[in-house]
Amino acid sequence: MLSKLAKSVSDLGLKDVARILFRHHVRAPLFHQTHIFDTALSHEVIEYFDGYQLQNADSSAGFLGFGLVHYALIANNRPKRILCIGSKKGFVPAMCAMACRDMGVGHVDFVDAGYSESDGKRQWGGIGLWRSQKPEHHFSFLGLTPYITTYVMTTQEFFRTNRPKYQYIYIDGDHTYNGVKNDYLAAWKHLDKHGIISFHDTKVKRMSGQPAYGVWKLWKELSGNKIVFDVAGGLGIIQKT
């Protein structure tokens, strides 16, 4: 049982590892303490799924940042199908899956190529987690496995063989201008009318040691029913009308 989470918590401190394992194996199953507005649990979610600073999260305060935005949009709109493109350790996909679990409706398709810096390929914070361990074990934390299906492949590969319609789509994969534009154009075709697409890193133009960012440029070009949270890495939201 403990081995299922071993790789996912291997880079955390002993105190957080102990808290997460206790939550997963004792508190959650025995006392059903899985509510995201529990401050201690929120801290563990941020640490375990890596809700890093660009997500506007604060681990020490148990503040979920942009994770709360995704959770609220899903909780209010109750989408049946959700697509998440890209995530280092699954923070936003997990928040979306938690909303599906708590609302009793919806399922998340999560697509990530599983690249890391050691691959020598374009990546923005990827650590190769999805190729180094089984995603269903990683998302077993808080019982999220039934609400999320992981596809370790590029978005181009995914859309060649998967053609469902989605009501909510999150894009945080290839951050070059051409890369994010291709993801957006492909995703838009699979978005239902009145569906929502969100983009992470709409504010970032460059970070040390990483390829140039182009999400900000695409976001400026898009028109329509949209809003942006211009804090941390930036989160842009646009609705299909």
Protein backbone atom coordinates (compact mmCIF):
# COMPACT_ATOMS: atom_id res chain seq x y z
CA MET A 1 0.00 0.00 0.00
CA LEU A 2 2.68 2.51 0.96
CA SER A 3 4.62 1.84 -2.26
CA LYS A 4 1.81 3.34 -4.34
CA LEU A 5 2.70 6.85 -3.15
CA ALA A 6 6.43 6.36 -2.61
CA LYS A 7 7.74 8.08 -5.75
CA SER A 8 5.20 10.87 -5.50
CA VAL A 9 6.37 11.92 -2.04
CA SER A 10 10.05 11.07 -2.38
CA ASP A 11 11.12 14.70 -2.85
CA LEU A 12 9.21 16.01 0.18
CA GLY A 13 10.43 16.41 3.73
CA LEU A 14 9.89 13.69 6.30
CA LYS A 15 7.21 15.69 8.11
CA ASP A 16 5.11 16.19 4.97
CA VAL A 17 5.57 12.57 3.92
CA ALA A 18 4.29 11.41 7.31
CA ARG A 19 1.31 13.78 7.15
CA ILE A 20 0.37 12.71 3.64
CA LEU A 21 0.65 8.99 4.35
CA PHE A 22 -1.34 9.37 7.58
CA ARG A 23 -4.03 11.35 5.72
CA HIS A 24 -4.19 8.81 2.90
CA HIS A 25 -4.20 5.61 4.95
CA VAL A 26 -5.84 6.63 8.24
CA ARG A 27 -7.77 9.90 8.35
CA ALA A 28 -9.38 9.82 4.90
CA PRO A 29 -10.63 6.20 4.93
CA LEU A 30 -11.59 6.09 8.63
CA PHE A 31 -12.91 9.61 9.20
CA HIS A 32 -13.68 10.74 5.61
CA GLN A 33 -11.56 13.88 6.06
CA THR A 34 -11.08 14.78 2.39
CA HIS A 35 -12.67 18.23 2.21
CA ILE A 36 -10.47 20.77 0.40
CA PHE A 37 -11.31 23.60 2.79
CA ASP A 38 -9.49 21.85 5.61
CA THR A 39 -6.30 23.94 5.87
CA ALA A 40 -4.07 20.99 6.72
CA LEU A 41 -5.42 19.00 3.79
CA SER A 42 -4.96 21.94 1.43
CA HIS A 43 -1.31 22.16 2.50
CA GLU A 44 -0.88 18.47 1.75
CA VAL A 45 -2.57 18.80 -1.66
CA ILE A 46 -0.25 21.67 -2.60
CA GLU A 47 2.86 19.78 -1.49
CA TYR A 48 1.89 16.41 -2.95
CA PHE A 49 0.62 17.65 -6.33
CA ASP A 50 3.08 20.57 -6.46
CA GLY A 51 0.84 23.61 -6.44
CA TYR A 52 3.85 25.81 -7.00
CA GLN A 53 4.13 29.60 -6.80
CA LEU A 54 3.00 30.31 -10.38
CA GLN A 55 -0.34 28.73 -9.43
CA ASN A 56 -0.80 31.56 -6.88
CA ALA A 57 -0.85 28.95 -4.11
CA ASP A 58 0.66 29.29 -0.64
CA SER A 59 1.57 25.97 0.92
CA SER A 60 2.34 27.35 4.39
CA ALA A 61 -1.12 28.96 4.60
CA GLY A 62 -2.93 26.09 2.90
CA PHE A 63 -4.16 28.48 0.18
CA LEU A 64 -4.92 26.65 -3.08
CA GLY A 65 -4.66 29.70 -5.37
CA PHE A 66 -5.76 29.03 -8.95
CA GLY A 67 -6.74 25.53 -7.86
CA LEU A 68 -9.78 27.09 -6.19
CA VAL A 69 -10.75 28.79 -9.46
CA HIS A 70 -10.80 25.49 -11.35
CA TYR A 71 -12.63 23.77 -8.51
CA ALA A 72 -15.27 26.51 -8.37
CA LEU A 73 -15.85 26.59 -12.13
CA ILE A 74 -16.37 22.84 -12.22
CA ALA A 75 -18.48 22.77 -9.06
CA ASN A 76 -20.79 25.45 -10.48
CA ASN A 77 -20.99 24.31 -14.10
CA ARG A 78 -20.96 20.54 -13.46
CA PRO A 79 -19.21 19.55 -16.74
CA LYS A 80 -19.40 15.88 -17.69
CA ARG A 81 -16.06 15.86 -19.51
CA ILE A 82 -12.93 17.81 -18.53
CA LEU A 83 -9.59 17.90 -20.35
CA CYS A 84 -6.32 18.97 -18.71
CA ILE A 85 -3.26 19.40 -20.93
CA GLY A 86 0.03 19.38 -19.04
CA SER A 87 0.97 19.34 -15.34
CA LYS A 88 4.24 18.79 -13.48
CA LYS A 89 2.78 16.68 -10.67
CA GLY A 90 -0.95 16.94 -11.30
CA PHE A 91 -2.07 19.93 -9.22
CA VAL A 92 -4.79 21.26 -11.54
CA PRO A 93 -5.92 17.83 -12.80
CA ALA A 94 -6.24 16.76 -9.16
CA MET A 95 -8.28 19.86 -8.25
CA CYS A 96 -10.58 19.17 -11.20
CA ALA A 97 -10.92 15.52 -10.16
CA MET A 98 -11.71 16.58 -6.59
CA ALA A 99 -14.50 18.78 -7.88
CA CYS A 100 -15.90 15.84 -9.88
CA ARG A 101 -15.66 13.61 -6.80
CA ASP A 102 -17.31 16.14 -4.48
CA MET A 103 -20.09 17.08 -6.94
CA GLY A 104 -20.75 13.48 -7.95
CA VAL A 105 -20.47 14.21 -11.68
CA GLY A 106 -17.76 14.52 -14.32
CA HIS A 107 -14.51 12.87 -15.37
CA VAL A 108 -11.05 14.28 -16.15
CA ASP A 109 -8.91 13.29 -19.12
CA PHE A 110 -5.33 14.32 -18.36
CA VAL A 111 -2.76 14.49 -21.18
CA ASP A 112 0.97 14.96 -20.59
CA ALA A 113 3.95 13.88 -22.69
CA GLY A 114 5.93 13.10 -19.55
CA TYR A 115 9.00 15.06 -20.63
CA SER A 116 11.74 16.18 -18.25
CA GLU A 117 14.83 18.35 -18.47
CA SER A 118 17.00 15.26 -18.87
CA ASP A 119 15.21 14.40 -22.12
CA GLY A 120 16.67 17.44 -23.82
CA LYS A 121 13.21 18.29 -25.17
CA ARG A 122 11.12 21.39 -24.73
CA GLN A 123 9.55 21.39 -21.32
CA TRP A 124 8.48 23.91 -18.71
CA GLY A 125 9.13 22.41 -15.31
CA GLY A 126 8.42 18.82 -16.32
CA ILE A 127 10.15 16.14 -14.24
CA GLY A 128 9.14 13.03 -16.21
CA LEU A 129 6.88 11.83 -13.38
CA TRP A 130 4.22 10.36 -15.66
CA ARG A 131 6.73 8.07 -17.37
CA SER A 132 8.52 7.06 -14.17
CA GLN A 133 5.51 5.80 -12.22
CA LYS A 134 1.92 4.73 -12.73
CA PRO A 135 -0.39 7.79 -12.78
CA GLU A 136 -3.21 5.81 -11.17
CA HIS A 137 -0.98 5.25 -8.13
CA HIS A 138 -0.12 8.94 -7.96
CA PHE A 139 -3.80 9.95 -8.10
CA SER A 140 -4.77 7.34 -5.53
CA PHE A 141 -4.06 10.05 -2.95
CA LEU A 142 -7.51 11.09 -1.65
CA GLY A 143 -9.14 8.45 -3.83
CA LEU A 144 -9.02 10.43 -7.10
CA THR A 145 -8.15 7.52 -9.42
CA PRO A 146 -11.79 6.79 -10.45
CA TYR A 147 -12.26 10.40 -11.57
CA ILE A 148 -9.22 10.83 -13.81
CA THR A 149 -7.69 9.00 -16.79
CA THR A 150 -4.10 9.84 -17.73
CA TYR A 151 -2.73 9.71 -21.28
CA VAL A 152 1.06 9.85 -21.40
CA MET A 153 1.44 11.27 -24.91
CA THR A 154 1.53 14.55 -26.78
CA THR A 155 -1.68 16.44 -27.43
CA GLN A 156 -1.25 15.76 -31.16
CA GLU A 157 -1.19 12.02 -30.45
CA PHE A 158 -4.16 12.32 -28.11
CA PHE A 159 -6.41 14.18 -30.53
CA ARG A 160 -5.60 11.77 -33.36
CA THR A 161 -7.31 8.94 -31.50
CA ASN A 162 -9.66 10.69 -29.03
CA ARG A 163 -12.53 12.88 -30.21
CA PRO A 164 -14.92 13.47 -27.30
CA LYS A 165 -16.59 16.79 -26.57
CA TYR A 166 -15.57 18.67 -23.43
CA GLN A 167 -17.21 21.36 -21.35
CA TYR A 168 -14.03 22.46 -19.55
CA ILE A 169 -10.46 22.45 -20.87
CA TYR A 170 -7.25 23.53 -19.14
CA ILE A 171 -4.08 24.19 -21.19
CA ASP A 172 -0.65 24.14 -19.52
CA GLY A 173 1.51 22.10 -21.92
CA ASP A 174 3.80 23.38 -24.66
CA HIS A 175 4.33 27.04 -23.72
CA THR A 176 5.80 28.27 -27.00
CA TYR A 177 3.51 30.50 -29.04
CA ASN A 178 3.09 27.90 -31.78
CA GLY A 179 2.74 25.08 -29.27
CA VAL A 180 0.02 26.66 -27.17
CA LYS A 181 -1.78 27.93 -30.28
CA ASN A 182 -1.86 24.43 -31.73
CA ASP A 183 -3.21 23.07 -28.44
CA TYR A 184 -5.82 25.82 -28.34
CA LEU A 185 -7.01 25.29 -31.93
CA ALA A 186 -7.25 21.54 -31.46
CA ALA A 187 -9.00 21.85 -28.10
CA TRP A 188 -11.44 24.49 -29.37
CA LYS A 189 -12.81 22.00 -31.91
CA HIS A 190 -13.63 19.63 -29.06
CA LEU A 191 -15.19 22.25 -26.78
CA ASP A 192 -18.98 22.35 -26.49
CA LYS A 193 -20.86 25.59 -27.00
CA HIS A 194 -20.72 27.66 -23.78
CA GLY A 195 -17.76 25.54 -22.68
CA ILE A 196 -14.71 27.09 -21.01
CA ILE A 197 -10.99 27.00 -21.82
CA SER A 198 -8.43 28.22 -19.32
CA PHE A 199 -4.75 29.00 -19.95
CA HIS A 200 -2.02 28.99 -17.34
CA ASP A 201 1.01 31.35 -17.53
CA THR A 202 -0.69 34.16 -19.45
CA LYS A 203 1.56 36.62 -17.61
CA VAL A 204 4.96 34.93 -18.01
CA LYS A 205 7.30 35.91 -20.85
CA ARG A 206 10.50 34.24 -19.74
CA MET A 207 11.94 32.23 -16.86
CA SER A 208 15.57 31.38 -16.20
CA GLY A 209 16.69 28.08 -17.71
CA GLN A 210 13.48 27.53 -19.68
CA PRO A 211 12.47 28.08 -23.32
CA ALA A 212 10.65 31.31 -24.18
CA TYR A 213 6.99 31.54 -23.19
CA GLY A 214 4.31 32.41 -25.76
CA VAL A 215 1.04 31.96 -23.88
CA TRP A 216 0.89 35.70 -23.16
CA LYS A 217 1.07 36.47 -26.89
CA LEU A 218 -1.75 34.11 -27.83
CA TRP A 219 -3.88 35.42 -24.97
CA LYS A 220 -3.54 38.98 -26.29
CA GLU A 221 -4.76 37.82 -29.71
CA LEU A 222 -7.88 36.08 -28.44
CA SER A 223 -11.14 38.00 -28.34
CA GLY A 224 -14.53 37.22 -26.94
CA ASN A 225 -15.97 36.48 -23.52
CA LYS A 226 -12.79 36.30 -21.45
CA ILE A 227 -11.27 37.31 -18.11
CA VAL A 228 -7.76 37.06 -16.68
CA PHE A 229 -6.31 36.72 -13.19
CA ASP A 230 -3.16 38.80 -13.63
CA VAL A 231 -1.31 37.47 -10.59
CA ALA A 232 1.39 34.80 -10.13
CA GLY A 233 1.83 33.12 -13.54
CA GLY A 234 -1.50 34.44 -14.75
CA LEU A 235 -4.69 32.52 -15.51
CA GLY A 236 -6.82 33.37 -18.53
CA ILE A 237 -10.38 32.07 -18.99
CA ILE A 238 -12.43 32.27 -22.19
CA GLN A 239 -15.91 30.95 -22.94
CA LYS A 240 -17.10 29.60 -26.27
CA THR A 241 -20.28 31.38 -27.36
